[in-house]
Amino acid sequence: MNRGTLRLATRGSDLALRQAASVQEALESYRYEVEIQEVDTRGDQLKDELIHRLGKTGAFVRNVDQRVIEGDADLAVHSMKDMPTEQPAELTVAGVPERAPAFDALVSPEGYEFDDLPVGSTVGTSSLRRKAQILNARPDLTVEPLRGNVDTRIEKLLAADLQTEHEERLEASKDEKGHAGDDDYEAEYERSVEEWFDDLSELERGALEHDLDVEYDAIVLAEAGLRRSGLHHHVEFERLPRAKFVPAPGQGALAVTAADPDVVETVNTAVDHPRTRIETTVERTVLEELGGGCVAPIGIHAILQGSYVHTEVQVLSQDGEELVESKRDLPVDDHANGAVELAASLRDRGAADLIEAAKRETSDEGTRNE
């Protein structure tokens, strides 16, 4: 017997819908019917703005959660790394499902590993943290902004090479009078332009349609996004080492918010993963105590290991030249207070100065762009 219907609010991107579907499936296994509601967010509306220029953290969250607060939805699903540390009083993080891999991934058409990227290569990312970490590890690289859903970012990466090849094939398929079918083309290429196009994947066809301002040699994005989108089967990628590229707090994890106590209990029972909740609580507590939001390059990652939560933190300057980092084992039975103490230690060691400098730089940049 059906136990009732739950209305689940989410962003409408392909990745967000896949994430929502995983929560829907878990709730349906408890005999609930789940209706998906797609919500347009401020982050989706401002396509050309970088994440850190969208205001405070939460550009992809507020509109979705507002549905729950106003009673138009029963629960909402978010990527945890998009969530502000300050939540509306009406809402509870009712469920934290088991986390996907939290690593960053380097994707390049040539299949490069990070250390083998040629000097001067252009790497795309929308993240201040990833930019700072890339420059800290390889100051010889150029980092350029990159926005869009996971598939859009990969299309932009593939676009330059595919568009060049398309133009070369079109040119070679014409003789001096502009007629198709020249013998020289057949000698150089095994397939016609039409056959070549028909064999392209949907990603590759999408890449041909982009009007590029920047040609990327590689991009860096979350491995979890690649996997949840099903795109890890279509591109070569390198998992970046966590020692140099400490992930964003909550990366790879989802958060399910609700307001009604009965819904909170239902969601908690159906989807909550205690280990992931402990780890992400540590990460988000450190972030909240540092006060960096989305304007400072901060990486925080925690792993539950027996009676301790091993926690790694990096706070960087925006240019990647300065770095304050720490690794500490926090007692699992007092992990929240341990996270507060870790943040205080980092602030005293210079993290507070780097965060304040990042806030000033972001404020100055916003003033120049007005």
Protein backbone atom coordinates (compact mmCIF):
# COMPACT_ATOMS: atom_id res chain seq x y z
CA MET A 1 0.00 0.00 0.00
CA ASN A 2 1.23 3.51 -0.89
CA ARG A 3 2.15 5.51 2.24
CA GLY A 4 1.50 8.87 0.59
CA THR A 5 2.94 11.34 -1.91
CA LEU A 6 6.00 13.51 -1.31
CA ARG A 7 6.80 16.54 -3.49
CA LEU A 8 10.56 16.83 -4.10
CA ALA A 9 12.02 20.13 -5.34
CA THR A 10 15.28 20.30 -7.29
CA ARG A 11 17.15 22.31 -9.88
CA GLY A 12 16.37 21.29 -13.44
CA SER A 13 19.87 20.48 -14.68
CA ASP A 14 20.56 16.94 -15.83
CA LEU A 15 22.91 16.35 -12.89
CA ALA A 16 20.43 17.76 -10.35
CA LEU A 17 17.65 15.59 -11.74
CA ARG A 18 19.83 12.50 -11.52
CA GLN A 19 20.65 13.35 -7.90
CA ALA A 20 16.97 13.88 -7.14
CA ALA A 21 16.14 10.56 -8.78
CA SER A 22 18.47 8.73 -6.40
CA VAL A 23 16.58 10.20 -3.42
CA GLN A 24 13.27 9.48 -5.14
CA GLU A 25 14.28 5.83 -5.54
CA ALA A 26 15.23 5.53 -1.86
CA LEU A 27 11.91 6.99 -0.73
CA GLU A 28 9.93 4.83 -3.15
CA SER A 29 11.54 1.77 -1.60
CA TYR A 30 9.68 2.84 1.57
CA ARG A 31 6.43 2.86 -0.45
CA TYR A 32 6.14 6.61 -0.95
CA GLU A 33 5.17 8.13 -4.26
CA VAL A 34 7.53 10.98 -5.12
CA GLU A 35 6.75 13.86 -7.49
CA ILE A 36 9.74 15.81 -8.87
CA GLN A 37 9.40 19.61 -9.10
CA GLU A 38 11.98 21.45 -11.22
CA VAL A 39 12.92 24.91 -9.93
CA ASP A 40 14.86 27.65 -11.72
CA THR A 41 17.47 29.25 -9.42
CA ARG A 42 19.40 32.50 -9.43
CA GLY A 43 22.59 30.59 -10.23
CA ASP A 44 20.90 29.07 -13.30
CA GLN A 45 19.59 32.46 -14.46
CA LEU A 46 22.99 34.23 -14.37
CA LYS A 47 24.69 31.96 -16.90
CA ASP A 48 27.70 34.19 -17.50
CA GLU A 49 28.60 34.94 -13.89
CA LEU A 50 31.19 33.00 -11.95
CA ILE A 51 30.03 31.31 -8.77
CA HIS A 52 31.84 33.72 -6.46
CA ARG A 53 30.14 36.74 -8.11
CA LEU A 54 26.62 35.46 -7.47
CA GLY A 55 26.48 36.88 -3.97
CA LYS A 56 26.67 34.75 -0.86
CA THR A 57 26.86 30.97 -1.09
CA GLY A 58 23.43 29.58 -1.98
CA ALA A 59 22.81 30.88 -5.50
CA PHE A 60 21.72 27.37 -6.52
CA VAL A 61 19.84 26.62 -3.28
CA ARG A 62 17.54 29.41 -2.09
CA ASN A 63 14.76 29.19 -4.66
CA VAL A 64 14.55 25.43 -4.24
CA ASP A 65 14.39 25.58 -0.44
CA GLN A 66 11.82 28.37 -0.62
CA ARG A 67 9.38 25.87 -2.12
CA VAL A 68 9.73 23.79 1.04
CA ILE A 69 9.45 26.76 3.40
CA GLU A 70 6.29 27.98 1.68
CA GLY A 71 4.73 24.52 1.73
CA ASP A 72 4.74 24.01 -2.05
CA ALA A 73 7.17 21.09 -1.71
CA ASP A 74 7.87 18.59 1.06
CA LEU A 75 11.62 18.24 0.59
CA ALA A 76 14.49 19.48 -1.56
CA VAL A 77 17.72 17.93 -2.83
CA HIS A 78 20.99 19.84 -3.17
CA SER A 79 24.64 19.29 -3.87
CA MET A 80 25.96 19.85 -0.37
CA LYS A 81 28.90 21.97 -1.53
CA ASP A 82 26.38 24.52 -2.90
CA MET A 83 24.65 24.95 0.45
CA PRO A 84 25.34 27.96 2.69
CA THR A 85 26.47 27.08 6.20
CA GLU A 86 23.71 29.34 7.58
CA GLN A 87 20.36 27.63 7.01
CA PRO A 88 16.85 29.09 7.45
CA ALA A 89 15.50 28.24 10.88
CA GLU A 90 12.48 26.49 9.33
CA LEU A 91 14.63 23.91 7.54
CA THR A 92 16.44 20.79 8.67
CA VAL A 93 19.02 18.77 6.78
CA ALA A 94 16.91 15.65 7.09
CA GLY A 95 19.10 13.29 5.13
CA VAL A 96 22.69 13.03 3.93
CA PRO A 97 22.99 10.06 1.52
CA GLU A 98 26.21 8.10 1.14
CA ARG A 99 28.83 10.27 -0.52
CA ALA A 100 30.20 9.70 -4.02
CA PRO A 101 33.97 10.12 -4.58
CA ALA A 102 34.96 13.57 -3.32
CA PHE A 103 38.02 14.00 -5.55
CA ASP A 104 38.59 16.57 -8.28
CA ALA A 105 39.21 15.26 -11.79
CA LEU A 106 41.35 16.56 -14.63
CA VAL A 107 39.82 16.02 -18.08
CA SER A 108 41.75 16.66 -21.30
CA PRO A 109 41.22 15.54 -24.91
CA GLU A 110 44.83 14.30 -25.00
CA GLY A 111 44.46 12.30 -21.79
CA TYR A 112 47.16 14.30 -20.00
CA GLU A 113 47.96 13.81 -16.34
CA PHE A 114 48.26 17.05 -14.38
CA ASP A 115 52.04 16.96 -14.05
CA ASP A 116 52.41 16.30 -17.79
CA LEU A 117 50.37 19.26 -19.03
CA PRO A 118 52.61 21.36 -21.31
CA VAL A 119 53.89 24.64 -19.89
CA GLY A 120 51.40 27.41 -20.58
CA SER A 121 48.42 25.09 -20.99
CA THR A 122 45.01 26.66 -20.41
CA VAL A 123 42.90 24.96 -17.73
CA GLY A 124 39.23 25.80 -17.23
CA THR A 125 37.39 25.89 -13.90
CA SER A 126 34.60 27.89 -12.28
CA SER A 127 36.04 27.40 -8.79
CA LEU A 128 38.27 29.87 -6.93
CA ARG A 129 39.57 26.97 -4.85
CA ARG A 130 40.54 24.87 -7.88
CA LYS A 131 42.15 27.88 -9.56
CA ALA A 132 44.27 28.63 -6.50
CA GLN A 133 45.26 24.98 -6.06
CA ILE A 134 46.19 24.64 -9.74
CA LEU A 135 48.36 27.75 -9.60
CA ASN A 136 49.92 26.67 -6.31
CA ALA A 137 50.97 23.35 -7.84
CA ARG A 138 51.73 24.62 -11.38
CA PRO A 139 52.21 28.42 -11.57
CA ASP A 140 53.24 27.94 -15.21
CA LEU A 141 49.65 27.11 -16.21
CA THR A 142 46.94 29.58 -17.26
CA VAL A 143 43.56 29.22 -15.54
CA GLU A 144 40.48 30.59 -17.31
CA PRO A 145 36.84 30.79 -16.13
CA LEU A 146 34.48 28.00 -17.18
CA ARG A 147 30.75 27.85 -16.36
CA GLY A 148 27.95 25.52 -17.32
CA ASN A 149 26.57 22.11 -16.49
CA VAL A 150 28.98 19.17 -16.56
CA ASP A 151 28.14 18.25 -20.15
CA THR A 152 28.45 21.89 -21.28
CA ARG A 153 31.90 22.21 -19.72
CA ILE A 154 33.10 19.05 -21.43
CA GLU A 155 31.66 20.23 -24.75
CA LYS A 156 33.61 23.49 -24.40
CA LEU A 157 36.77 21.47 -23.74
CA LEU A 158 36.27 19.35 -26.85
CA ALA A 159 35.05 22.18 -29.06
CA ALA A 160 38.31 23.62 -30.42
CA ASP A 161 39.77 20.34 -31.73
CA LEU A 162 36.48 19.09 -33.15
CA GLN A 163 35.64 22.38 -34.84
CA THR A 164 39.11 22.49 -36.39
CA GLU A 165 38.77 18.94 -37.68
CA HIS A 166 35.31 19.67 -39.06
CA GLU A 167 36.59 22.69 -40.97
CA GLU A 168 39.56 20.74 -42.33
CA ARG A 169 37.29 17.94 -43.52
CA LEU A 170 34.90 20.37 -45.18
CA GLU A 171 37.79 22.14 -46.89
CA ALA A 172 39.39 18.91 -48.04
CA SER A 173 36.08 17.61 -49.41
CA LYS A 174 35.92 20.43 -51.98
CA ASP A 175 37.91 20.68 -55.18
CA GLU A 176 39.04 24.00 -56.57
CA LYS A 177 35.53 24.65 -57.90
CA GLY A 178 33.95 23.90 -54.54
CA HIS A 179 32.48 20.53 -55.52
CA ALA A 180 32.35 17.66 -53.02
CA GLY A 181 33.97 14.29 -53.55
CA ASP A 182 37.53 15.21 -54.42
CA ASP A 183 39.93 12.27 -54.72
CA ASP A 184 42.40 14.01 -52.41
CA TYR A 185 39.83 13.93 -49.63
CA GLU A 186 39.27 10.20 -50.06
CA ALA A 187 43.01 9.63 -49.92
CA GLU A 188 43.36 11.60 -46.65
CA TYR A 189 40.18 10.59 -44.84
CA GLU A 190 38.54 7.17 -44.68
CA ARG A 191 35.03 8.55 -44.05
CA SER A 192 33.00 11.29 -45.68
CA VAL A 193 32.12 14.41 -43.70
CA GLU A 194 28.59 13.05 -43.25
CA GLU A 195 29.84 9.66 -42.04
CA TRP A 196 32.29 11.34 -39.66
CA PHE A 197 29.50 13.52 -38.22
CA ASP A 198 27.12 10.57 -37.87
CA ASP A 199 29.72 8.72 -35.79
CA LEU A 200 30.12 11.58 -33.30
CA SER A 201 28.68 11.21 -29.80
CA GLU A 202 26.02 13.59 -28.53
CA LEU A 203 28.72 15.39 -26.51
CA GLU A 204 30.90 15.83 -29.59
CA ARG A 205 28.01 17.14 -31.69
CA GLY A 206 27.20 19.61 -28.94
CA ALA A 207 30.84 20.74 -28.96
CA LEU A 208 30.57 21.74 -32.63
CA GLU A 209 27.87 24.27 -31.75
CA HIS A 210 29.83 26.31 -29.19
CA ASP A 211 31.15 29.77 -30.02
CA LEU A 212 34.38 29.82 -28.01
CA ASP A 213 36.20 32.80 -26.51
CA VAL A 214 38.77 30.51 -24.88
CA GLU A 215 40.33 27.27 -26.06
CA TYR A 216 40.92 24.90 -23.15
CA ASP A 217 43.66 22.28 -22.99
CA ALA A 218 42.09 20.71 -19.90
CA ILE A 219 39.38 21.32 -17.33
CA VAL A 220 39.05 20.46 -13.63
CA LEU A 221 35.72 19.50 -12.11
CA ALA A 222 34.26 17.19 -9.46
CA GLU A 223 34.63 13.47 -10.15
CA ALA A 224 31.22 12.95 -8.53
CA GLY A 225 29.59 15.15 -11.17
CA LEU A 226 31.25 13.18 -13.94
CA ARG A 227 30.04 9.89 -12.49
CA ARG A 228 26.51 10.99 -11.61
CA SER A 229 26.11 12.41 -15.13
CA GLY A 230 27.33 9.15 -16.63
CA LEU A 231 30.02 11.06 -18.54
CA HIS A 232 32.99 9.28 -16.96
CA HIS A 233 32.53 6.59 -19.62
CA HIS A 234 32.95 9.13 -22.44
CA VAL A 235 36.08 11.05 -21.42
CA GLU A 236 39.53 10.27 -20.09
CA PHE A 237 40.22 11.77 -16.69
CA GLU A 238 42.81 11.75 -13.92
CA ARG A 239 41.74 11.74 -10.28
CA LEU A 240 43.77 14.57 -8.73
CA PRO A 241 45.64 13.75 -5.51
CA ARG A 242 43.83 14.95 -2.42
CA ALA A 243 47.10 16.01 -0.79
CA LYS A 244 47.44 18.87 -3.30
CA PHE A 245 43.79 19.32 -4.23
CA VAL A 246 41.79 19.14 -1.01
CA PRO A 247 38.14 19.09 -2.16
CA ALA A 248 35.45 21.62 -1.31
CA PRO A 249 33.58 20.95 1.95
CA GLY A 250 30.69 18.62 1.16
CA GLN A 251 31.98 17.76 -2.31
CA GLY A 252 30.46 14.53 -3.59
CA ALA A 253 27.68 14.61 -0.96
CA LEU A 254 23.99 15.46 -1.24
CA ALA A 255 21.77 17.15 1.32
CA VAL A 256 18.03 16.63 1.58
CA THR A 257 16.22 19.45 3.38
CA ALA A 258 12.71 19.37 4.87
CA ALA A 259 10.58 21.37 7.32
CA ASP A 260 7.75 19.10 8.44
CA PRO A 261 8.90 16.87 11.35
CA ASP A 262 7.20 13.80 9.89
CA VAL A 263 8.93 14.32 6.54
CA VAL A 264 12.25 14.90 8.33
CA GLU A 265 11.88 11.56 10.11
CA THR A 266 10.88 9.76 6.90
CA VAL A 267 13.81 11.18 4.92
CA ASN A 268 16.27 10.46 7.71
CA THR A 269 15.19 6.84 7.86
CA ALA A 270 15.25 6.36 4.08
CA VAL A 271 18.45 8.10 2.98
CA ASP A 272 20.70 9.21 5.85
CA HIS A 273 24.21 7.71 5.89
CA PRO A 274 25.72 8.26 9.38
CA ARG A 275 29.35 8.11 8.24
CA THR A 276 28.82 10.73 5.53
CA ARG A 277 26.87 12.94 7.92
CA ILE A 278 29.75 12.94 10.44
CA GLU A 279 32.33 13.70 7.76
CA THR A 280 30.35 16.52 6.18
CA THR A 281 29.44 17.96 9.58
CA VAL A 282 33.16 18.35 10.30
CA GLU A 283 33.79 19.93 6.90
CA ARG A 284 30.91 22.39 7.11
CA THR A 285 31.69 23.29 10.73
CA VAL A 286 35.28 24.19 9.82
CA LEU A 287 34.00 26.26 6.88
CA GLU A 288 31.44 28.06 9.01
CA GLU A 289 34.03 28.87 11.67
CA LEU A 290 36.49 30.15 9.07
CA GLY A 291 33.77 32.27 7.47
CA GLY A 292 35.08 31.89 3.93
CA GLY A 293 31.82 31.17 2.16
CA CYS A 294 32.38 30.94 -1.60
CA VAL A 295 34.70 33.96 -1.92
CA ALA A 296 37.87 32.40 -0.52
CA PRO A 297 39.80 29.38 -1.85
CA ILE A 298 39.19 26.78 0.87
CA GLY A 299 39.43 23.01 0.67
CA ILE A 300 38.22 20.83 3.56
CA HIS A 301 37.90 17.05 3.54
CA ALA A 302 37.17 14.63 6.39
CA ILE A 303 37.29 10.82 6.50
CA LEU A 304 35.95 8.76 9.39
CA GLN A 305 38.66 6.29 10.44
CA GLY A 306 37.71 4.24 13.48
CA SER A 307 37.42 6.48 16.51
CA TYR A 308 38.83 9.54 14.68
CA VAL A 309 37.85 11.81 11.82
CA HIS A 310 40.97 12.52 9.76
CA THR A 311 40.58 16.08 8.49
CA GLU A 312 42.62 17.98 5.89
CA VAL A 313 42.26 21.72 5.28
CA GLN A 314 43.80 24.13 2.79
CA VAL A 315 43.25 27.90 2.78
CA LEU A 316 44.92 29.71 -0.12
CA SER A 317 45.33 33.16 -1.54
CA GLN A 318 43.41 33.68 -4.76
CA ASP A 319 46.62 33.60 -6.81
CA GLY A 320 47.72 30.37 -5.14
CA GLU A 321 51.00 31.85 -3.91
CA GLU A 322 50.15 31.63 -0.19
CA LEU A 323 48.89 28.55 1.58
CA VAL A 324 47.90 27.64 5.14
CA GLU A 325 47.15 23.96 5.60
CA SER A 326 46.59 21.44 8.35
CA LYS A 327 45.91 17.74 8.91
CA ARG A 328 44.39 16.63 12.18
CA ASP A 329 42.61 13.59 13.67
CA LEU A 330 39.47 14.70 15.51
CA PRO A 331 37.74 12.46 18.08
CA VAL A 332 34.57 11.07 16.53
CA ASP A 333 32.64 11.39 19.80
CA ASP A 334 33.34 15.14 19.85
CA HIS A 335 33.89 15.85 16.16
CA ALA A 336 31.93 19.12 16.00
CA ASN A 337 33.92 20.74 18.83
CA GLY A 338 37.11 19.33 17.33
CA ALA A 339 36.25 21.05 14.04
CA VAL A 340 35.74 24.36 15.85
CA GLU A 341 39.16 24.06 17.49
CA LEU A 342 40.80 23.16 14.19
CA ALA A 343 39.31 26.25 12.53
CA ALA A 344 40.54 28.46 15.39
CA SER A 345 44.05 27.07 14.97
CA LEU A 346 43.99 27.76 11.23
CA ARG A 347 42.77 31.33 11.77
CA ASP A 348 45.62 32.00 14.20
CA ARG A 349 48.15 30.60 11.70
CA GLY A 350 47.16 33.06 8.97
CA ALA A 351 44.01 31.63 7.41
CA ALA A 352 41.95 34.58 8.65
CA ASP A 353 44.25 37.02 6.84
CA LEU A 354 44.00 35.07 3.56
CA ILE A 355 40.19 34.94 3.80
CA GLU A 356 39.92 38.66 4.49
CA ALA A 357 42.22 39.41 1.56
CA ALA A 358 40.05 37.21 -0.69
CA LYS A 359 36.92 39.07 0.43
CA ARG A 360 38.55 42.42 -0.37
CA GLU A 361 39.69 41.22 -3.79
CA THR A 362 36.22 39.93 -4.64
CA SER A 363 34.63 43.19 -3.44
CA ASP A 364 37.07 45.27 -5.49
CA GLU A 365 36.43 43.10 -8.56
CA GLY A 366 32.68 43.54 -8.19
CA THR A 367 33.11 47.33 -7.93
CA ARG A 368 35.21 47.42 -11.12
CA ASN A 369 32.57 45.41 -13.00
CA GLU A 370 29.63 47.63 -12.00
